[in-house]
Amino acid sequence: MLKVKQQMEAEQAIESEKSNPSPNAEEPAAEVTSSLVQSKNKEQIAAELKAESEKKAKAEAEKKAKEEAEAKAKEEAEKKAAAEKKAAEEKKAAEEKAKAEAEKKKQEEEKKKIAAEKKKDEKHQDMLKKMNQELDSFSVSLNKKHFDSAVQLKNNIKE
């Protein structure tokens, strides 16, 4: 609005100079016109500089905001990657621990099984030894008592 008003005033001043062709009036009117044009140019330049500086400030603010957002996104991505890596390491460690525990449990069960077989084998050997002793006693004394004991031990061994 102000610029339009100034332009209109400048045009009116130029027209009034043209309509008043007095030699003395031309010089002051020309000075007024040139001063109006200069003030108009200064105002326009100032307005343009102000608009340009505002654009630069806005662009710098946008650039700074963009850089901050990128830095924040990068930092979040790094944190996420670190968390995923940590989770993967923990998962791997847990799997290894579970595997080691399963192996240990398997070994313990195997030892128990071997011990049970060994104990069973020892008991079997003792019974065979007793049966053989009873058979030897029977063959020496021909006593039915020894024979019955040997048969009973043989039945126990089969069980």
N, C-alpha and C. Protein backbone atom coordinates (compact mmCIF):
# COMPACT_ATOMS: atom_id res chain seq x y z
N MET A 1 0.83 -1.20 0.00
CA MET A 1 0.00 0.00 0.00
C MET A 1 0.87 1.25 0.00
N LEU A 2 1.86 1.25 0.83
CA LEU A 2 2.73 2.41 0.95
C LEU A 2 3.47 2.66 -0.35
N LYS A 3 3.95 1.61 -0.97
CA LYS A 3 4.68 1.74 -2.23
C LYS A 3 3.78 2.30 -3.32
N VAL A 4 2.57 1.80 -3.38
CA VAL A 4 1.62 2.27 -4.39
C VAL A 4 1.34 3.77 -4.18
N LYS A 5 1.17 4.13 -2.92
CA LYS A 5 0.91 5.53 -2.60
C LYS A 5 2.08 6.41 -3.01
N GLN A 6 3.30 5.93 -2.74
CA GLN A 6 4.50 6.70 -3.11
C GLN A 6 4.62 6.82 -4.62
N GLN A 7 4.28 5.76 -5.33
CA GLN A 7 4.35 5.81 -6.80
C GLN A 7 3.34 6.84 -7.34
N MET A 8 2.16 6.81 -6.75
CA MET A 8 1.14 7.76 -7.20
C MET A 8 1.59 9.21 -6.95
N GLU A 9 2.18 9.44 -5.80
CA GLU A 9 2.67 10.78 -5.49
C GLU A 9 3.77 11.20 -6.46
N ALA A 10 4.64 10.23 -6.79
CA ALA A 10 5.73 10.53 -7.73
C ALA A 10 5.16 10.85 -9.10
N GLU A 11 4.18 10.12 -9.54
CA GLU A 11 3.56 10.37 -10.84
C GLU A 11 2.85 11.72 -10.85
N GLN A 12 2.19 12.04 -9.76
CA GLN A 12 1.52 13.34 -9.68
C GLN A 12 2.53 14.47 -9.71
N ALA A 13 3.64 14.25 -9.07
CA ALA A 13 4.67 15.29 -9.08
C ALA A 13 5.22 15.47 -10.48
N ILE A 14 5.40 14.39 -11.22
CA ILE A 14 5.92 14.48 -12.60
C ILE A 14 4.90 15.18 -13.49
N GLU A 15 3.65 14.88 -13.35
CA GLU A 15 2.60 15.52 -14.15
C GLU A 15 2.49 17.00 -13.82
N SER A 16 2.60 17.31 -12.56
CA SER A 16 2.52 18.73 -12.18
C SER A 16 3.70 19.51 -12.75
N GLU A 17 4.85 18.90 -12.88
CA GLU A 17 6.02 19.55 -13.49
C GLU A 17 5.76 19.80 -14.97
N LYS A 18 5.17 18.81 -15.63
CA LYS A 18 4.89 18.95 -17.05
C LYS A 18 3.84 20.04 -17.29
N SER A 19 2.88 20.16 -16.45
CA SER A 19 1.84 21.17 -16.64
C SER A 19 2.33 22.57 -16.26
N ASN A 20 3.29 22.70 -15.39
CA ASN A 20 3.89 23.98 -15.00
C ASN A 20 5.26 24.09 -15.64
N PRO A 21 5.33 24.62 -16.85
CA PRO A 21 6.61 24.71 -17.53
C PRO A 21 7.45 25.90 -17.09
N SER A 22 7.27 26.46 -15.99
CA SER A 22 8.10 27.58 -15.55
C SER A 22 9.50 27.10 -15.29
N PRO A 23 10.50 27.89 -15.72
CA PRO A 23 11.88 27.45 -15.59
C PRO A 23 12.31 27.31 -14.14
N ASN A 24 11.90 28.15 -13.29
CA ASN A 24 12.28 28.06 -11.89
C ASN A 24 11.56 26.90 -11.20
N ALA A 25 10.38 26.61 -11.62
CA ALA A 25 9.60 25.54 -11.01
C ALA A 25 10.11 24.17 -11.43
N GLU A 26 10.75 24.11 -12.60
CA GLU A 26 11.24 22.82 -13.09
C GLU A 26 12.37 22.29 -12.22
N GLU A 27 13.25 23.17 -11.84
CA GLU A 27 14.39 22.70 -11.05
C GLU A 27 13.96 22.15 -9.69
N PRO A 28 13.15 22.85 -8.92
CA PRO A 28 12.75 22.28 -7.65
C PRO A 28 11.88 21.06 -7.83
N ALA A 29 11.06 21.04 -8.86
CA ALA A 29 10.21 19.87 -9.10
C ALA A 29 11.07 18.68 -9.49
N ALA A 30 12.11 18.91 -10.29
CA ALA A 30 13.01 17.84 -10.69
C ALA A 30 13.74 17.30 -9.46
N GLU A 31 14.14 18.20 -8.58
CA GLU A 31 14.80 17.77 -7.36
C GLU A 31 13.85 16.97 -6.48
N VAL A 32 12.62 17.40 -6.39
CA VAL A 32 11.62 16.70 -5.59
C VAL A 32 11.37 15.33 -6.19
N THR A 33 11.26 15.29 -7.52
CA THR A 33 11.03 14.02 -8.21
C THR A 33 12.20 13.08 -8.00
N SER A 34 13.40 13.59 -8.20
CA SER A 34 14.57 12.72 -8.03
C SER A 34 14.71 12.27 -6.58
N SER A 35 14.39 13.16 -5.65
CA SER A 35 14.48 12.75 -4.25
C SER A 35 13.41 11.72 -3.92
N LEU A 36 12.22 11.88 -4.52
CA LEU A 36 11.16 10.89 -4.32
C LEU A 36 11.57 9.54 -4.91
N VAL A 37 12.15 9.60 -6.10
CA VAL A 37 12.58 8.36 -6.75
C VAL A 37 13.69 7.71 -5.94
N GLN A 38 14.64 8.52 -5.45
CA GLN A 38 15.72 7.98 -4.64
C GLN A 38 15.19 7.38 -3.34
N SER A 39 14.26 8.07 -2.70
CA SER A 39 13.70 7.53 -1.45
C SER A 39 12.93 6.24 -1.74
N LYS A 40 12.25 6.25 -2.91
CA LYS A 40 11.51 5.05 -3.30
C LYS A 40 12.49 3.91 -3.54
N ASN A 41 13.57 4.18 -4.25
CA ASN A 41 14.58 3.16 -4.53
C ASN A 41 15.22 2.67 -3.23
N LYS A 42 15.51 3.55 -2.33
CA LYS A 42 16.10 3.17 -1.05
C LYS A 42 15.16 2.27 -0.26
N GLU A 43 13.89 2.64 -0.27
CA GLU A 43 12.90 1.84 0.45
C GLU A 43 12.75 0.45 -0.18
N GLN A 44 12.74 0.47 -1.54
CA GLN A 44 12.63 -0.81 -2.24
C GLN A 44 13.85 -1.68 -1.97
N ILE A 45 15.01 -1.07 -2.02
CA ILE A 45 16.25 -1.81 -1.76
C ILE A 45 16.25 -2.34 -0.33
N ALA A 46 15.84 -1.49 0.60
CA ALA A 46 15.79 -1.91 2.00
C ALA A 46 14.81 -3.06 2.18
N ALA A 47 13.65 -2.93 1.51
CA ALA A 47 12.65 -3.99 1.60
C ALA A 47 13.17 -5.29 0.97
N GLU A 48 13.85 -5.14 -0.17
CA GLU A 48 14.41 -6.32 -0.84
C GLU A 48 15.49 -6.97 0.02
N LEU A 49 16.35 -6.13 0.59
CA LEU A 49 17.41 -6.66 1.47
C LEU A 49 16.81 -7.37 2.69
N LYS A 50 15.76 -6.73 3.23
CA LYS A 50 15.10 -7.34 4.39
C LYS A 50 14.48 -8.68 4.01
N ALA A 51 13.80 -8.72 2.86
CA ALA A 51 13.17 -9.96 2.40
C ALA A 51 14.24 -11.02 2.12
N GLU A 52 15.33 -10.56 1.51
CA GLU A 52 16.42 -11.49 1.19
C GLU A 52 17.06 -12.05 2.47
N SER A 53 17.27 -11.18 3.45
CA SER A 53 17.86 -11.65 4.71
C SER A 53 16.90 -12.59 5.43
N GLU A 54 15.58 -12.29 5.34
CA GLU A 54 14.60 -13.19 5.94
C GLU A 54 14.62 -14.56 5.26
N LYS A 55 14.75 -14.54 3.92
CA LYS A 55 14.83 -15.81 3.18
C LYS A 55 16.07 -16.60 3.60
N LYS A 56 17.20 -15.89 3.69
CA LYS A 56 18.44 -16.55 4.11
C LYS A 56 18.31 -17.13 5.51
N ALA A 57 17.73 -16.34 6.41
CA ALA A 57 17.56 -16.81 7.80
C ALA A 57 16.64 -18.02 7.83
N LYS A 58 15.57 -17.94 7.03
CA LYS A 58 14.63 -19.07 6.97
C LYS A 58 15.32 -20.30 6.39
N ALA A 59 16.10 -20.10 5.33
CA ALA A 59 16.82 -21.22 4.70
C ALA A 59 17.84 -21.82 5.68
N GLU A 60 18.54 -20.95 6.40
CA GLU A 60 19.52 -21.44 7.38
C GLU A 60 18.82 -22.19 8.51
N ALA A 61 17.68 -21.67 8.94
CA ALA A 61 16.92 -22.34 10.00
C ALA A 61 16.44 -23.71 9.51
N GLU A 62 15.94 -23.76 8.28
CA GLU A 62 15.50 -25.04 7.72
C GLU A 62 16.66 -26.01 7.59
N LYS A 63 17.80 -25.48 7.11
CA LYS A 63 19.00 -26.32 6.94
C LYS A 63 19.46 -26.85 8.30
N LYS A 64 19.45 -25.98 9.30
CA LYS A 64 19.86 -26.39 10.64
C LYS A 64 18.91 -27.44 11.20
N ALA A 65 17.59 -27.21 11.01
CA ALA A 65 16.59 -28.16 11.49
C ALA A 65 16.76 -29.50 10.77
N LYS A 66 17.03 -29.43 9.48
CA LYS A 66 17.23 -30.67 8.69
C LYS A 66 18.46 -31.42 9.19
N GLU A 67 19.55 -30.68 9.41
CA GLU A 67 20.78 -31.31 9.91
C GLU A 67 20.55 -31.92 11.30
N GLU A 68 19.83 -31.21 12.15
CA GLU A 68 19.53 -31.74 13.48
C GLU A 68 18.68 -33.00 13.38
N ALA A 69 17.70 -32.96 12.49
CA ALA A 69 16.84 -34.14 12.31
C ALA A 69 17.65 -35.32 11.79
N GLU A 70 18.54 -35.04 10.82
CA GLU A 70 19.41 -36.11 10.29
C GLU A 70 20.32 -36.66 11.37
N ALA A 71 20.90 -35.76 12.17
CA ALA A 71 21.79 -36.21 13.25
C ALA A 71 21.02 -37.04 14.27
N LYS A 72 19.81 -36.58 14.57
CA LYS A 72 18.98 -37.32 15.53
C LYS A 72 18.60 -38.69 14.97
N ALA A 73 18.22 -38.72 13.70
CA ALA A 73 17.87 -39.99 13.06
C ALA A 73 19.07 -40.92 13.02
N LYS A 74 20.24 -40.36 12.70
CA LYS A 74 21.46 -41.17 12.66
C LYS A 74 21.77 -41.72 14.05
N GLU A 75 21.64 -40.88 15.07
CA GLU A 75 21.90 -41.31 16.44
C GLU A 75 20.93 -42.41 16.86
N GLU A 76 19.65 -42.23 16.50
CA GLU A 76 18.65 -43.24 16.83
C GLU A 76 18.94 -44.56 16.10
N ALA A 77 19.36 -44.45 14.84
CA ALA A 77 19.70 -45.65 14.07
C ALA A 77 20.89 -46.36 14.71
N GLU A 78 21.88 -45.58 15.15
CA GLU A 78 23.04 -46.18 15.81
C GLU A 78 22.63 -46.86 17.11
N LYS A 79 21.77 -46.19 17.87
CA LYS A 79 21.30 -46.79 19.13
C LYS A 79 20.53 -48.08 18.85
N LYS A 80 19.69 -48.04 17.82
CA LYS A 80 18.91 -49.22 17.46
C LYS A 80 19.83 -50.35 17.02
N ALA A 81 20.84 -50.02 16.20
CA ALA A 81 21.79 -51.04 15.74
C ALA A 81 22.56 -51.62 16.93
N ALA A 82 22.96 -50.75 17.86
CA ALA A 82 23.69 -51.23 19.04
C ALA A 82 22.79 -52.13 19.90
N ALA A 83 21.53 -51.74 20.03
CA ALA A 83 20.60 -52.56 20.81
C ALA A 83 20.37 -53.91 20.14
N GLU A 84 20.23 -53.89 18.80
CA GLU A 84 20.04 -55.15 18.08
C GLU A 84 21.28 -56.04 18.21
N LYS A 85 22.45 -55.42 18.12
CA LYS A 85 23.70 -56.18 18.25
C LYS A 85 23.80 -56.79 19.65
N LYS A 86 23.47 -55.99 20.64
CA LYS A 86 23.51 -56.47 22.03
C LYS A 86 22.52 -57.61 22.22
N ALA A 87 21.32 -57.45 21.68
CA ALA A 87 20.30 -58.49 21.79
C ALA A 87 20.76 -59.77 21.10
N ALA A 88 21.40 -59.63 19.92
CA ALA A 88 21.90 -60.80 19.21
C ALA A 88 22.99 -61.50 20.02
N GLU A 89 23.87 -60.70 20.62
CA GLU A 89 24.94 -61.28 21.44
C GLU A 89 24.35 -62.00 22.66
N GLU A 90 23.37 -61.38 23.29
CA GLU A 90 22.73 -62.00 24.45
C GLU A 90 22.03 -63.29 24.05
N LYS A 91 21.37 -63.26 22.91
CA LYS A 91 20.67 -64.46 22.41
C LYS A 91 21.68 -65.57 22.13
N LYS A 92 22.79 -65.20 21.51
CA LYS A 92 23.83 -66.18 21.19
C LYS A 92 24.41 -66.76 22.48
N ALA A 93 24.67 -65.89 23.46
CA ALA A 93 25.22 -66.35 24.73
C ALA A 93 24.23 -67.27 25.44
N ALA A 94 22.94 -66.92 25.38
CA ALA A 94 21.92 -67.76 26.01
C ALA A 94 21.84 -69.12 25.31
N GLU A 95 21.93 -69.11 23.98
CA GLU A 95 21.91 -70.38 23.23
C GLU A 95 23.12 -71.25 23.60
N GLU A 96 24.29 -70.61 23.68
CA GLU A 96 25.50 -71.36 24.04
C GLU A 96 25.37 -71.92 25.46
N LYS A 97 24.84 -71.11 26.36
CA LYS A 97 24.66 -71.56 27.75
C LYS A 97 23.69 -72.73 27.80
N ALA A 98 22.58 -72.61 27.07
CA ALA A 98 21.60 -73.69 27.05
C ALA A 98 22.20 -74.95 26.44
N LYS A 99 22.99 -74.77 25.40
CA LYS A 99 23.65 -75.92 24.75
C LYS A 99 24.63 -76.59 25.71
N ALA A 100 25.40 -75.77 26.45
CA ALA A 100 26.36 -76.31 27.41
C ALA A 100 25.62 -77.05 28.54
N GLU A 101 24.52 -76.47 29.01
CA GLU A 101 23.74 -77.12 30.06
C GLU A 101 23.14 -78.43 29.57
N ALA A 102 22.66 -78.43 28.34
CA ALA A 102 22.09 -79.66 27.77
C ALA A 102 23.17 -80.74 27.64
N GLU A 103 24.35 -80.32 27.22
CA GLU A 103 25.47 -81.27 27.09
C GLU A 103 25.86 -81.81 28.46
N LYS A 104 25.91 -80.93 29.45
CA LYS A 104 26.26 -81.35 30.81
C LYS A 104 25.22 -82.32 31.35
N LYS A 105 23.95 -81.99 31.13
CA LYS A 105 22.86 -82.86 31.59
C LYS A 105 22.94 -84.21 30.89
N LYS A 106 23.23 -84.19 29.61
CA LYS A 106 23.35 -85.44 28.84
C LYS A 106 24.49 -86.29 29.39
N GLN A 107 25.61 -85.65 29.70
CA GLN A 107 26.75 -86.39 30.25
C GLN A 107 26.41 -86.98 31.61
N GLU A 108 25.72 -86.21 32.44
CA GLU A 108 25.33 -86.70 33.76
C GLU A 108 24.39 -87.91 33.63
N GLU A 109 23.43 -87.81 32.71
CA GLU A 109 22.51 -88.93 32.50
C GLU A 109 23.26 -90.16 32.00
N GLU A 110 24.22 -89.92 31.13
CA GLU A 110 25.02 -91.03 30.61
C GLU A 110 25.83 -91.68 31.73
N LYS A 111 26.40 -90.86 32.61
CA LYS A 111 27.15 -91.40 33.75
C LYS A 111 26.24 -92.21 34.66
N LYS A 112 25.03 -91.68 34.91
CA LYS A 112 24.08 -92.41 35.75
C LYS A 112 23.71 -93.73 35.11
N LYS A 113 23.50 -93.71 33.80
CA LYS A 113 23.12 -94.92 33.08
C LYS A 113 24.25 -95.94 33.15
N ILE A 114 25.48 -95.48 32.95
CA ILE A 114 26.64 -96.38 33.02
C ILE A 114 26.78 -96.95 34.43
N ALA A 115 26.59 -96.08 35.45
CA ALA A 115 26.69 -96.53 36.84
C ALA A 115 25.61 -97.56 37.14
N ALA A 116 24.38 -97.32 36.65
CA ALA A 116 23.29 -98.27 36.88
C ALA A 116 23.59 -99.61 36.19
N GLU A 117 24.11 -99.54 34.95
CA GLU A 117 24.46 -100.78 34.24
C GLU A 117 25.58 -101.52 34.96
N LYS A 118 26.53 -100.74 35.46
CA LYS A 118 27.66 -101.36 36.17
C LYS A 118 27.16 -102.03 37.45
N LYS A 119 26.27 -101.34 38.16
CA LYS A 119 25.72 -101.91 39.39
C LYS A 119 24.91 -103.17 39.08
N LYS A 120 24.11 -103.09 38.01
CA LYS A 120 23.31 -104.24 37.59
C LYS A 120 24.22 -105.40 37.19
N ASP A 121 25.29 -105.08 36.48
CA ASP A 121 26.25 -106.11 36.04
C ASP A 121 26.95 -106.74 37.25
N GLU A 122 27.32 -105.91 38.25
CA GLU A 122 27.95 -106.44 39.46
C GLU A 122 27.00 -107.38 40.20
N LYS A 123 25.73 -106.98 40.29
CA LYS A 123 24.74 -107.82 40.95
C LYS A 123 24.58 -109.13 40.19
N HIS A 124 24.55 -109.06 38.88
CA HIS A 124 24.44 -110.24 38.02
C HIS A 124 25.64 -111.18 38.24
N GLN A 125 26.82 -110.57 38.28
CA GLN A 125 28.03 -111.37 38.49
C GLN A 125 28.01 -112.06 39.87
N ASP A 126 27.56 -111.31 40.89
CA ASP A 126 27.45 -111.91 42.23
C ASP A 126 26.50 -113.11 42.22
N MET A 127 25.36 -112.95 41.55
CA MET A 127 24.39 -114.05 41.50
C MET A 127 24.95 -115.25 40.74
N LEU A 128 25.66 -114.97 39.63
CA LEU A 128 26.27 -116.08 38.88
C LEU A 128 27.30 -116.81 39.74
N LYS A 129 28.06 -116.02 40.49
CA LYS A 129 29.08 -116.62 41.35
C LYS A 129 28.43 -117.51 42.42
N LYS A 130 27.35 -117.00 43.02
CA LYS A 130 26.64 -117.79 44.03
C LYS A 130 26.05 -119.06 43.41
N MET A 131 25.48 -118.93 42.20
CA MET A 131 24.89 -120.10 41.55
C MET A 131 25.97 -121.16 41.27
N ASN A 132 27.10 -120.68 40.80
CA ASN A 132 28.20 -121.61 40.53
C ASN A 132 28.68 -122.29 41.80
N GLN A 133 28.71 -121.54 42.90
CA GLN A 133 29.11 -122.14 44.18
C GLN A 133 28.10 -123.20 44.61
N GLU A 134 26.83 -122.88 44.44
CA GLU A 134 25.80 -123.84 44.82
C GLU A 134 25.88 -125.10 43.94
N LEU A 135 26.13 -124.89 42.65
CA LEU A 135 26.26 -126.06 41.77
C LEU A 135 27.48 -126.90 42.14
N ASP A 136 28.57 -126.20 42.48
CA ASP A 136 29.76 -126.94 42.91
C ASP A 136 29.48 -127.72 44.20
N SER A 137 28.78 -127.07 45.13
CA SER A 137 28.44 -127.76 46.39
C SER A 137 27.55 -128.95 46.12
N PHE A 138 26.62 -128.78 45.16
CA PHE A 138 25.72 -129.88 44.83
C PHE A 138 26.49 -131.06 44.22
N SER A 139 27.42 -130.70 43.33
CA SER A 139 28.16 -131.79 42.70
C SER A 139 29.06 -132.49 43.70
N VAL A 140 29.52 -131.79 44.71
CA VAL A 140 30.37 -132.42 45.71
C VAL A 140 29.53 -133.24 46.69
N SER A 141 28.44 -132.66 47.20
CA SER A 141 27.66 -133.34 48.23
C SER A 141 26.39 -134.00 47.72
N LEU A 142 25.97 -133.72 46.53
CA LEU A 142 24.73 -134.22 45.96
C LEU A 142 23.55 -133.96 46.88
N ASN A 143 23.49 -132.76 47.38
CA ASN A 143 22.45 -132.36 48.31
C ASN A 143 21.38 -131.57 47.54
N LYS A 144 20.12 -131.97 47.73
CA LYS A 144 19.00 -131.33 47.04
C LYS A 144 18.88 -129.87 47.45
N LYS A 145 19.23 -129.52 48.63
CA LYS A 145 19.15 -128.15 49.12
C LYS A 145 20.02 -127.24 48.25
N HIS A 146 21.22 -127.66 47.93
CA HIS A 146 22.12 -126.87 47.10
C HIS A 146 21.58 -126.75 45.68
N PHE A 147 20.98 -127.79 45.17
CA PHE A 147 20.42 -127.78 43.83
C PHE A 147 19.26 -126.80 43.75
N ASP A 148 18.37 -126.84 44.72
CA ASP A 148 17.23 -125.93 44.75
C ASP A 148 17.70 -124.47 44.84
N SER A 149 18.72 -124.20 45.61
CA SER A 149 19.27 -122.83 45.72
C SER A 149 19.83 -122.37 44.38
N ALA A 150 20.51 -123.25 43.66
CA ALA A 150 21.08 -122.92 42.37
C ALA A 150 19.98 -122.61 41.36
N VAL A 151 18.90 -123.41 41.36
CA VAL A 151 17.78 -123.18 40.44
C VAL A 151 17.11 -121.85 40.77
N GLN A 152 16.94 -121.60 42.05
CA GLN A 152 16.32 -120.33 42.46
C GLN A 152 17.17 -119.15 42.01
N LEU A 153 18.49 -119.22 42.18
CA LEU A 153 19.39 -118.14 41.75
C LEU A 153 19.34 -117.96 40.23
N LYS A 154 19.23 -119.07 39.51
CA LYS A 154 19.15 -119.02 38.05
C LYS A 154 17.87 -118.28 37.64
N ASN A 155 16.77 -118.55 38.31
CA ASN A 155 15.51 -117.87 38.02
C ASN A 155 15.61 -116.38 38.33
N ASN A 156 16.28 -116.04 39.42
CA ASN A 156 16.49 -114.63 39.78
C ASN A 156 17.33 -113.92 38.75
N ILE A 157 18.32 -114.60 38.21
CA ILE A 157 19.19 -113.98 37.19
C ILE A 157 18.39 -113.68 35.93
N LYS A 158 17.48 -114.60 35.55
CA LYS A 158 16.68 -114.40 34.36
C LYS A 158 15.76 -113.19 34.51
N GLU A 159 15.32 -112.93 35.71
CA GLU A 159 14.44 -111.78 35.95
C GLU A 159 15.23 -110.52 35.82
